[in-house]
Amino acid sequence: MDIKEIKKRVDLLKMANNKKYCLIPELAKELKVSKTDLMQFVIDNPKLFHTDNQWTYKVMPRSQKVVQNKNLGLGIEQIYISPEDNFRTEEWLQVQITSKAKYIHISEFDYYGVQGYYISIDKEDYSKYKEWLWRNTEAKVKEIQSLGITHKGTFYMGGYCDSSAHKVDYAISLEGLEKLTEAGWSFNELRPLSN
C-alpha cells in the first residue's frame, strides 16, 4: 500500500463526507483491499496515522446532556507521509530541535496596540507541540541574554487610578531585534509598535 495514495483518498473522503475522520471500512472499500489488510498496515505504521474511535452522539431529553450513542468504529483522523511530519513523534521533535536551533519566539505586549516586545521561557505544559523542548528553552534565552540585547522591563496597562504594571525579565528593544538578526537568529513576524 502506498501512503501517499492512502492520504489522498482519506483527505478526499473526509472532504466528501464533511467529517474530521474516515472510517477504516469505507477507506478499505475505496482502496479495494480488505479491512484486515488495511488495519494491519495502520498497526504496522503507527507513526504515520492518527486514529481514534468514532461515535454518534445524542442529547438526553431531560438534562440536555450530550452523550455517546453508537460506536462507529476506528476512524483515521490524520495521515502523515513520514514520521517527521507527525508532531506526536520523536522524529518530528528532533527535526524541530535541529531546524529551530537559532529561532526564538518574541511576544508582544499589546494594550490597545503593541507597547513592546519580550521573550519568555516556555514552560512544560500540555501543549501538543512541546515548545518547552525546542522553542524558547532556558538555554536559548540565556544565550540571547549573554549577547546583551535583553533587559528587565515593565509594561503598563489600565488608566488613571486603575493601572497595573507587568514586569518581564527579557524585554527587547527594536535595536535589540536588529542585533538578534545580525547574530544569526530568526524570530516570528511582529506587528509594529504603536505610537
Protein backbone atom coordinates (compact mmCIF):
# COMPACT_ATOMS: atom_id res chain seq x y z
CA MET A 1 0.00 0.00 0.00
CA ASP A 2 1.22 3.47 -0.89
CA ILE A 3 0.95 6.03 1.94
CA LYS A 4 0.62 8.95 -0.50
CA GLU A 5 -2.35 7.31 -2.21
CA ILE A 6 -3.94 6.45 1.14
CA LYS A 7 -3.50 10.05 2.33
CA LYS A 8 -5.07 11.38 -0.86
CA ARG A 9 -8.07 9.08 -0.51
CA VAL A 10 -8.55 9.85 3.19
CA ASP A 11 -8.43 13.60 2.56
CA LEU A 12 -10.96 13.30 -0.26
CA LEU A 13 -13.31 11.09 1.78
CA LYS A 14 -13.13 13.46 4.73
CA MET A 15 -13.99 16.33 2.39
CA ALA A 16 -16.80 14.41 0.65
CA ASN A 17 -18.36 13.29 3.96
CA ASN A 18 -17.72 16.64 5.68
CA LYS A 19 -16.16 14.79 8.61
CA LYS A 20 -12.89 15.08 10.51
CA TYR A 21 -12.26 11.35 10.09
CA CYS A 22 -12.53 8.50 7.59
CA LEU A 23 -13.70 5.08 8.82
CA ILE A 24 -11.48 2.06 8.13
CA PRO A 25 -14.22 0.03 6.31
CA GLU A 26 -15.03 2.94 3.98
CA LEU A 27 -11.36 3.50 3.15
CA ALA A 28 -10.75 -0.22 2.60
CA LYS A 29 -13.65 -0.33 0.14
CA GLU A 30 -12.30 2.75 -1.66
CA LEU A 31 -8.79 1.22 -1.87
CA LYS A 32 -10.20 -2.21 -2.90
CA VAL A 33 -8.39 -4.02 -0.07
CA SER A 34 -9.71 -5.99 2.87
CA LYS A 35 -10.43 -4.21 6.16
CA THR A 36 -7.98 -6.50 7.94
CA ASP A 37 -5.15 -5.78 5.48
CA LEU A 38 -5.72 -2.05 5.86
CA MET A 39 -5.94 -2.36 9.65
CA GLN A 40 -2.66 -4.33 9.70
CA PHE A 41 -0.99 -1.59 7.63
CA VAL A 42 -2.20 1.04 10.15
CA ILE A 43 -0.94 -1.08 13.07
CA ASP A 44 2.44 -1.63 11.37
CA ASN A 45 2.89 2.14 10.75
CA PRO A 46 1.64 3.90 13.90
CA LYS A 47 3.79 7.00 13.32
CA LEU A 48 2.02 7.70 10.02
CA PHE A 49 -1.56 7.58 11.33
CA HIS A 50 -3.60 9.41 13.93
CA THR A 51 -6.66 7.29 14.70
CA ASP A 52 -9.47 7.39 17.23
CA ASN A 53 -12.75 5.62 17.94
CA GLN A 54 -15.64 7.50 16.36
CA TRP A 55 -19.09 7.82 17.92
CA THR A 56 -22.51 9.19 17.18
CA TYR A 57 -23.96 11.38 19.92
CA LYS A 58 -27.43 12.04 21.24
CA VAL A 59 -28.94 14.63 23.54
CA MET A 60 -30.64 13.30 26.68
CA PRO A 61 -34.18 14.75 26.79
CA ARG A 62 -34.35 15.83 30.44
CA SER A 63 -30.84 17.03 31.14
CA GLN A 64 -29.95 18.19 27.60
CA LYS A 65 -26.61 16.49 28.21
CA VAL A 66 -24.79 15.19 25.11
CA VAL A 67 -23.70 11.56 25.47
CA GLN A 68 -22.05 8.98 23.25
CA ASN A 69 -24.60 6.82 21.49
CA LYS A 70 -23.18 4.34 18.97
CA ASN A 71 -19.58 3.33 18.29
CA LEU A 72 -18.91 3.72 14.56
CA GLY A 73 -15.51 2.03 14.72
CA LEU A 74 -11.94 3.19 14.24
CA GLY A 75 -11.52 6.33 12.19
CA ILE A 76 -8.39 7.80 10.64
CA GLU A 77 -8.20 11.48 11.55
CA GLN A 78 -4.83 12.35 10.03
CA ILE A 79 -2.21 10.69 7.81
CA TYR A 80 1.43 11.73 7.57
CA ILE A 81 3.80 10.94 4.70
CA SER A 82 6.73 10.46 7.09
CA PRO A 83 7.20 10.33 10.88
CA GLU A 84 8.96 13.73 10.67
CA ASP A 85 5.61 15.27 9.66
CA ASN A 86 3.73 13.90 12.69
CA PHE A 87 4.07 16.24 15.69
CA ARG A 88 3.34 13.30 18.01
CA THR A 89 6.62 11.52 17.14
CA GLU A 90 10.16 11.78 18.43
CA GLU A 91 11.36 12.21 14.83
CA TRP A 92 9.28 15.41 14.46
CA LEU A 93 10.65 16.73 17.75
CA GLN A 94 14.25 16.12 16.65
CA VAL A 95 13.59 18.00 13.39
CA GLN A 96 12.26 20.97 15.40
CA ILE A 97 15.26 20.95 17.75
CA THR A 98 17.68 20.91 14.80
CA SER A 99 15.92 23.25 12.38
CA LYS A 100 14.91 25.80 15.04
CA ALA A 101 18.23 25.88 16.89
CA LYS A 102 18.61 29.62 16.12
CA TYR A 103 14.89 30.51 16.30
CA ILE A 104 13.21 32.32 19.19
CA HIS A 105 9.59 33.34 19.65
CA ILE A 106 9.15 37.02 20.54
CA SER A 107 5.98 38.02 22.40
CA GLU A 108 4.21 41.34 22.04
CA PHE A 109 2.79 43.28 24.96
CA ASP A 110 -0.47 44.51 23.48
CA TYR A 111 -2.65 47.05 25.26
CA TYR A 112 -4.67 48.98 22.68
CA GLY A 113 -1.73 48.48 20.34
CA VAL A 114 1.73 46.93 20.67
CA GLN A 115 3.61 48.58 23.54
CA GLY A 116 6.78 46.49 23.43
CA TYR A 117 8.41 43.12 22.85
CA TYR A 118 9.74 40.50 25.23
CA ILE A 119 10.94 36.90 25.37
CA SER A 120 9.58 34.38 27.83
CA ILE A 121 10.91 30.92 28.58
CA ASP A 122 8.44 28.21 27.53
CA LYS A 123 7.25 26.17 30.49
CA GLU A 124 6.41 22.48 30.38
CA ASP A 125 2.68 22.18 29.90
CA TYR A 126 0.17 20.19 27.91
CA SER A 127 0.93 21.83 24.58
CA LYS A 128 0.75 19.27 21.79
CA TYR A 129 3.83 20.77 20.12
CA LYS A 130 6.13 20.50 23.20
CA GLU A 131 7.53 24.01 22.71
CA TRP A 132 9.43 23.88 26.01
CA LEU A 133 11.80 21.36 24.40
CA TRP A 134 12.70 23.29 21.23
CA ARG A 135 11.38 26.86 21.03
CA ASN A 136 12.13 29.26 23.91
CA THR A 137 14.26 26.97 26.03
CA GLU A 138 16.09 28.33 29.05
CA ALA A 139 19.45 27.70 27.34
CA LYS A 140 18.43 29.68 24.23
CA VAL A 141 17.10 32.60 26.26
CA LYS A 142 20.28 32.67 28.37
CA GLU A 143 22.39 32.65 25.18
CA ILE A 144 20.43 35.62 23.83
CA GLN A 145 20.75 37.37 27.20
CA SER A 146 24.53 36.90 27.02
CA LEU A 147 24.51 38.97 23.80
CA GLY A 148 23.42 41.93 25.94
CA ILE A 149 20.27 42.68 23.96
CA THR A 150 17.63 41.93 26.59
CA HIS A 151 16.82 43.85 29.74
CA LYS A 152 14.30 43.84 32.55
CA GLY A 153 11.25 45.82 31.55
CA THR A 154 7.84 46.91 32.78
CA PHE A 155 4.71 47.30 30.71
CA TYR A 156 1.68 49.20 31.97
CA MET A 157 -1.98 48.76 31.29
CA GLY A 158 -5.09 50.45 32.60
CA GLY A 159 -5.92 54.06 33.13
CA TYR A 160 -5.83 56.69 35.80
CA CYS A 161 -6.16 55.11 39.29
CA ASP A 162 -6.54 51.56 37.97
CA SER A 163 -3.30 50.89 36.12
CA SER A 164 -1.21 47.79 36.67
CA ALA A 165 2.42 47.02 35.97
CA HIS A 166 3.62 43.84 34.28
CA LYS A 167 7.30 43.12 34.81
CA VAL A 168 9.25 40.96 32.36
CA ASP A 169 12.79 39.61 32.68
CA TYR A 170 13.69 39.64 28.98
CA ALA A 171 12.34 42.74 27.28
CA ILE A 172 13.87 43.50 23.90
CA SER A 173 14.02 46.81 22.01
CA LEU A 174 13.93 47.42 18.26
CA GLU A 175 17.73 47.81 18.32
CA GLY A 176 17.93 44.50 20.20
CA LEU A 177 15.87 42.83 17.48
CA GLU A 178 18.29 44.12 14.85
CA LYS A 179 21.29 42.81 16.84
CA LEU A 180 19.49 39.49 17.27
CA THR A 181 19.13 39.19 13.48
CA GLU A 182 22.77 40.21 12.97
CA ALA A 183 23.80 37.42 15.37
CA GLY A 184 22.11 34.88 13.09
CA TRP A 185 18.85 34.39 14.98
CA SER A 186 15.40 34.32 13.41
CA PHE A 187 12.06 35.02 15.06
CA ASN A 188 8.35 35.30 14.33
CA GLU A 189 6.84 38.21 12.42
CA LEU A 190 6.00 41.11 14.73
CA ARG A 191 3.49 43.91 14.44
CA PRO A 192 4.96 47.44 14.63
CA LEU A 193 4.96 49.40 17.87
CA SER A 194 2.05 51.77 18.40
CA ASN A 195 2.76 55.49 18.58
